[in-house]
Amino acid sequence: MTIGSAGTRGATDPGERRAYTPLMRDELLIDLRRTQLLAVESSLDDARRALLRAARIPTAFAAELRAMLAAVAELERRVLASTES
């Protein structure tokens, strides 16, 4: 049993159902993209912490590690900005 537009169970008109389906699909794609970006952000955060620990060790590579930290921070900022849009 379906209830019309005034109800909450679904549409009686197949056209209404078809119009609703793409919207739902778009939301799923947006959610998937946001989930992927948040996973990337989490990995970048892990990388940032590891690079920060490594940069504190006095070696000939400390300057390169700091440069990589700056690059990771910029990428993390861009990824976070993407998840908000």
N, C-alpha and C. Protein backbone atom coordinates (compact mmCIF):
# COMPACT_ATOMS: atom_id res chain seq x y z
N MET A 1 0.84 -1.18 0.00
CA MET A 1 0.00 0.00 0.00
C MET A 1 0.88 1.23 0.00
N THR A 2 0.60 2.14 -0.91
CA THR A 2 1.35 3.40 -0.93
C THR A 2 0.39 4.54 -0.69
N ILE A 3 0.93 5.56 -0.12
CA ILE A 3 0.15 6.76 0.18
C ILE A 3 0.67 7.86 -0.72
N GLY A 4 -0.19 8.71 -1.19
CA GLY A 4 0.18 9.78 -2.13
C GLY A 4 1.11 10.81 -1.53
N SER A 5 1.28 11.92 -2.23
CA SER A 5 2.21 12.98 -1.85
C SER A 5 1.97 13.51 -0.45
N ALA A 6 0.73 13.50 0.00
CA ALA A 6 0.44 14.02 1.32
C ALA A 6 0.90 13.05 2.40
N GLY A 7 1.07 11.78 2.07
CA GLY A 7 1.48 10.78 3.05
C GLY A 7 2.98 10.66 3.16
N THR A 8 3.40 9.70 3.97
CA THR A 8 4.83 9.54 4.20
C THR A 8 5.37 8.21 3.70
N ARG A 9 4.54 7.33 3.19
CA ARG A 9 5.01 6.00 2.80
C ARG A 9 5.57 5.93 1.40
N GLY A 10 5.25 6.81 0.52
CA GLY A 10 5.78 6.73 -0.83
C GLY A 10 4.87 7.39 -1.83
N ALA A 11 5.31 7.40 -3.04
CA ALA A 11 4.55 8.05 -4.10
C ALA A 11 3.67 7.03 -4.80
N THR A 12 2.49 7.46 -5.20
CA THR A 12 1.62 6.58 -5.98
C THR A 12 1.92 6.72 -7.46
N ASP A 13 2.46 7.85 -7.85
CA ASP A 13 2.78 8.12 -9.24
C ASP A 13 4.20 7.64 -9.54
N PRO A 14 4.38 6.72 -10.51
CA PRO A 14 5.73 6.24 -10.84
C PRO A 14 6.67 7.37 -11.25
N GLY A 15 6.14 8.44 -11.83
CA GLY A 15 6.96 9.59 -12.19
C GLY A 15 7.57 10.24 -10.97
N GLU A 16 6.81 10.29 -9.89
CA GLU A 16 7.34 10.85 -8.65
C GLU A 16 8.48 9.98 -8.13
N ARG A 17 8.30 8.67 -8.21
CA ARG A 17 9.34 7.76 -7.76
C ARG A 17 10.61 7.92 -8.58
N ARG A 18 10.47 8.04 -9.91
CA ARG A 18 11.65 8.23 -10.77
C ARG A 18 12.33 9.56 -10.46
N ALA A 19 11.58 10.58 -10.19
CA ALA A 19 12.16 11.89 -9.88
C ALA A 19 12.92 11.84 -8.55
N TYR A 20 12.47 11.03 -7.64
CA TYR A 20 13.10 10.92 -6.33
C TYR A 20 14.39 10.11 -6.40
N THR A 21 14.43 9.08 -7.22
CA THR A 21 15.57 8.17 -7.28
C THR A 21 16.88 8.88 -7.62
N PRO A 22 16.95 9.74 -8.65
CA PRO A 22 18.22 10.41 -8.92
C PRO A 22 18.70 11.28 -7.76
N LEU A 23 17.77 11.91 -7.05
CA LEU A 23 18.16 12.73 -5.91
C LEU A 23 18.81 11.86 -4.85
N MET A 24 18.23 10.72 -4.61
CA MET A 24 18.77 9.80 -3.62
C MET A 24 20.15 9.30 -4.07
N ARG A 25 20.29 8.99 -5.35
CA ARG A 25 21.56 8.53 -5.90
C ARG A 25 22.62 9.62 -5.75
N ASP A 26 22.24 10.87 -6.02
CA ASP A 26 23.18 11.99 -5.87
C ASP A 26 23.64 12.11 -4.43
N GLU A 27 22.71 11.96 -3.50
CA GLU A 27 23.08 12.04 -2.08
C GLU A 27 24.04 10.93 -1.71
N LEU A 28 23.82 9.73 -2.24
CA LEU A 28 24.72 8.62 -1.95
C LEU A 28 26.12 8.90 -2.50
N LEU A 29 26.19 9.46 -3.70
CA LEU A 29 27.49 9.79 -4.29
C LEU A 29 28.20 10.87 -3.48
N ILE A 30 27.44 11.85 -3.04
CA ILE A 30 28.02 12.92 -2.22
C ILE A 30 28.53 12.35 -0.91
N ASP A 31 27.74 11.47 -0.27
CA ASP A 31 28.17 10.84 0.97
C ASP A 31 29.41 10.00 0.76
N LEU A 32 29.47 9.26 -0.34
CA LEU A 32 30.63 8.43 -0.64
C LEU A 32 31.87 9.31 -0.83
N ARG A 33 31.72 10.38 -1.59
CA ARG A 33 32.85 11.29 -1.82
C ARG A 33 33.33 11.89 -0.51
N ARG A 34 32.40 12.33 0.32
CA ARG A 34 32.77 12.92 1.61
C ARG A 34 33.46 11.89 2.50
N THR A 35 32.98 10.66 2.50
CA THR A 35 33.60 9.60 3.29
C THR A 35 35.02 9.33 2.80
N GLN A 36 35.21 9.30 1.49
CA GLN A 36 36.55 9.09 0.93
C GLN A 36 37.48 10.23 1.32
N LEU A 37 37.00 11.46 1.23
CA LEU A 37 37.83 12.60 1.58
C LEU A 37 38.19 12.60 3.06
N LEU A 38 37.26 12.20 3.90
CA LEU A 38 37.56 12.12 5.34
C LEU A 38 38.58 11.03 5.63
N ALA A 39 38.53 9.93 4.88
CA ALA A 39 39.53 8.87 5.03
C ALA A 39 40.91 9.39 4.61
N VAL A 40 40.96 10.14 3.52
CA VAL A 40 42.22 10.75 3.07
C VAL A 40 42.73 11.71 4.13
N GLU A 41 41.84 12.52 4.68
CA GLU A 41 42.24 13.48 5.71
C GLU A 41 42.80 12.77 6.93
N SER A 42 42.20 11.68 7.32
CA SER A 42 42.69 10.91 8.46
C SER A 42 44.08 10.35 8.18
N SER A 43 44.29 9.85 6.98
CA SER A 43 45.62 9.34 6.61
C SER A 43 46.65 10.46 6.57
N LEU A 44 46.25 11.62 6.07
CA LEU A 44 47.16 12.76 6.06
C LEU A 44 47.52 13.20 7.48
N ASP A 45 46.56 13.11 8.37
CA ASP A 45 46.82 13.45 9.77
C ASP A 45 47.84 12.48 10.36
N ASP A 46 47.69 11.20 10.06
CA ASP A 46 48.67 10.21 10.52
C ASP A 46 50.05 10.51 9.95
N ALA A 47 50.10 10.85 8.66
CA ALA A 47 51.38 11.17 8.01
C ALA A 47 52.00 12.41 8.64
N ARG A 48 51.17 13.40 8.93
CA ARG A 48 51.67 14.63 9.54
C ARG A 48 52.32 14.34 10.89
N ARG A 49 51.66 13.52 11.70
CA ARG A 49 52.22 13.18 13.02
C ARG A 49 53.53 12.42 12.89
N ALA A 50 53.58 11.47 11.94
CA ALA A 50 54.82 10.71 11.73
C ALA A 50 55.95 11.61 11.24
N LEU A 51 55.64 12.50 10.31
CA LEU A 51 56.66 13.43 9.81
C LEU A 51 57.13 14.38 10.91
N LEU A 52 56.20 14.80 11.74
CA LEU A 52 56.55 15.69 12.85
C LEU A 52 57.52 15.00 13.80
N ARG A 53 57.24 13.74 14.13
CA ARG A 53 58.16 12.99 14.99
C ARG A 53 59.52 12.84 14.32
N ALA A 54 59.52 12.51 13.04
CA ALA A 54 60.78 12.32 12.31
C ALA A 54 61.56 13.62 12.20
N ALA A 55 60.87 14.74 12.01
CA ALA A 55 61.54 16.03 11.86
C ALA A 55 62.24 16.46 13.14
N ARG A 56 61.81 15.94 14.26
CA ARG A 56 62.43 16.29 15.55
C ARG A 56 63.75 15.57 15.77
N ILE A 57 64.01 14.55 14.99
CA ILE A 57 65.26 13.81 15.11
C ILE A 57 66.33 14.58 14.35
N PRO A 58 67.43 14.91 15.02
CA PRO A 58 68.47 15.69 14.34
C PRO A 58 69.23 14.84 13.30
N THR A 59 68.84 15.01 12.04
CA THR A 59 69.50 14.32 10.94
C THR A 59 69.69 15.30 9.79
N ALA A 60 70.39 14.84 8.78
CA ALA A 60 70.60 15.67 7.58
C ALA A 60 69.30 15.86 6.81
N PHE A 61 68.27 15.07 7.12
CA PHE A 61 67.01 15.11 6.39
C PHE A 61 65.94 15.97 7.06
N ALA A 62 66.26 16.62 8.17
CA ALA A 62 65.28 17.39 8.92
C ALA A 62 64.63 18.49 8.07
N ALA A 63 65.44 19.17 7.24
CA ALA A 63 64.89 20.24 6.40
C ALA A 63 63.88 19.69 5.39
N GLU A 64 64.20 18.55 4.77
CA GLU A 64 63.27 17.92 3.82
C GLU A 64 62.00 17.46 4.52
N LEU A 65 62.15 16.95 5.73
CA LEU A 65 60.97 16.52 6.48
C LEU A 65 60.06 17.70 6.81
N ARG A 66 60.65 18.83 7.17
CA ARG A 66 59.84 20.02 7.44
C ARG A 66 59.13 20.49 6.17
N ALA A 67 59.81 20.39 5.03
CA ALA A 67 59.17 20.77 3.76
C ALA A 67 58.00 19.83 3.45
N MET A 68 58.19 18.55 3.72
CA MET A 68 57.10 17.59 3.51
C MET A 68 55.94 17.88 4.47
N LEU A 69 56.26 18.27 5.69
CA LEU A 69 55.22 18.65 6.65
C LEU A 69 54.38 19.81 6.12
N ALA A 70 55.04 20.79 5.55
CA ALA A 70 54.31 21.93 4.99
C ALA A 70 53.41 21.49 3.84
N ALA A 71 53.92 20.60 2.99
CA ALA A 71 53.11 20.10 1.86
C ALA A 71 51.91 19.30 2.36
N VAL A 72 52.11 18.47 3.37
CA VAL A 72 51.02 17.67 3.93
C VAL A 72 49.98 18.59 4.57
N ALA A 73 50.44 19.62 5.28
CA ALA A 73 49.51 20.56 5.93
C ALA A 73 48.66 21.27 4.88
N GLU A 74 49.27 21.68 3.77
CA GLU A 74 48.52 22.36 2.71
C GLU A 74 47.50 21.41 2.07
N LEU A 75 47.93 20.19 1.80
CA LEU A 75 47.02 19.21 1.21
C LEU A 75 45.87 18.89 2.16
N GLU A 76 46.19 18.75 3.44
CA GLU A 76 45.15 18.48 4.44
C GLU A 76 44.14 19.62 4.48
N ARG A 77 44.62 20.86 4.40
CA ARG A 77 43.72 22.03 4.39
C ARG A 77 42.78 21.97 3.19
N ARG A 78 43.33 21.62 2.01
CA ARG A 78 42.52 21.55 0.80
C ARG A 78 41.50 20.43 0.87
N VAL A 79 41.90 19.29 1.42
CA VAL A 79 40.97 18.16 1.54
C VAL A 79 39.82 18.53 2.49
N LEU A 80 40.16 19.14 3.61
CA LEU A 80 39.11 19.56 4.54
C LEU A 80 38.16 20.57 3.91
N ALA A 81 38.70 21.48 3.13
CA ALA A 81 37.85 22.46 2.44
C ALA A 81 36.92 21.76 1.46
N SER A 82 37.39 20.70 0.81
CA SER A 82 36.56 19.94 -0.12
C SER A 82 35.42 19.22 0.58
N THR A 83 35.66 18.75 1.80
CA THR A 83 34.60 18.02 2.49
C THR A 83 33.48 18.95 2.94
N GLU A 84 33.78 20.23 3.11
CA GLU A 84 32.77 21.18 3.55
C GLU A 84 31.89 21.68 2.41
N SER A 85 32.33 21.50 1.18
CA SER A 85 31.52 22.00 0.06
C SER A 85 30.56 20.97 -0.44
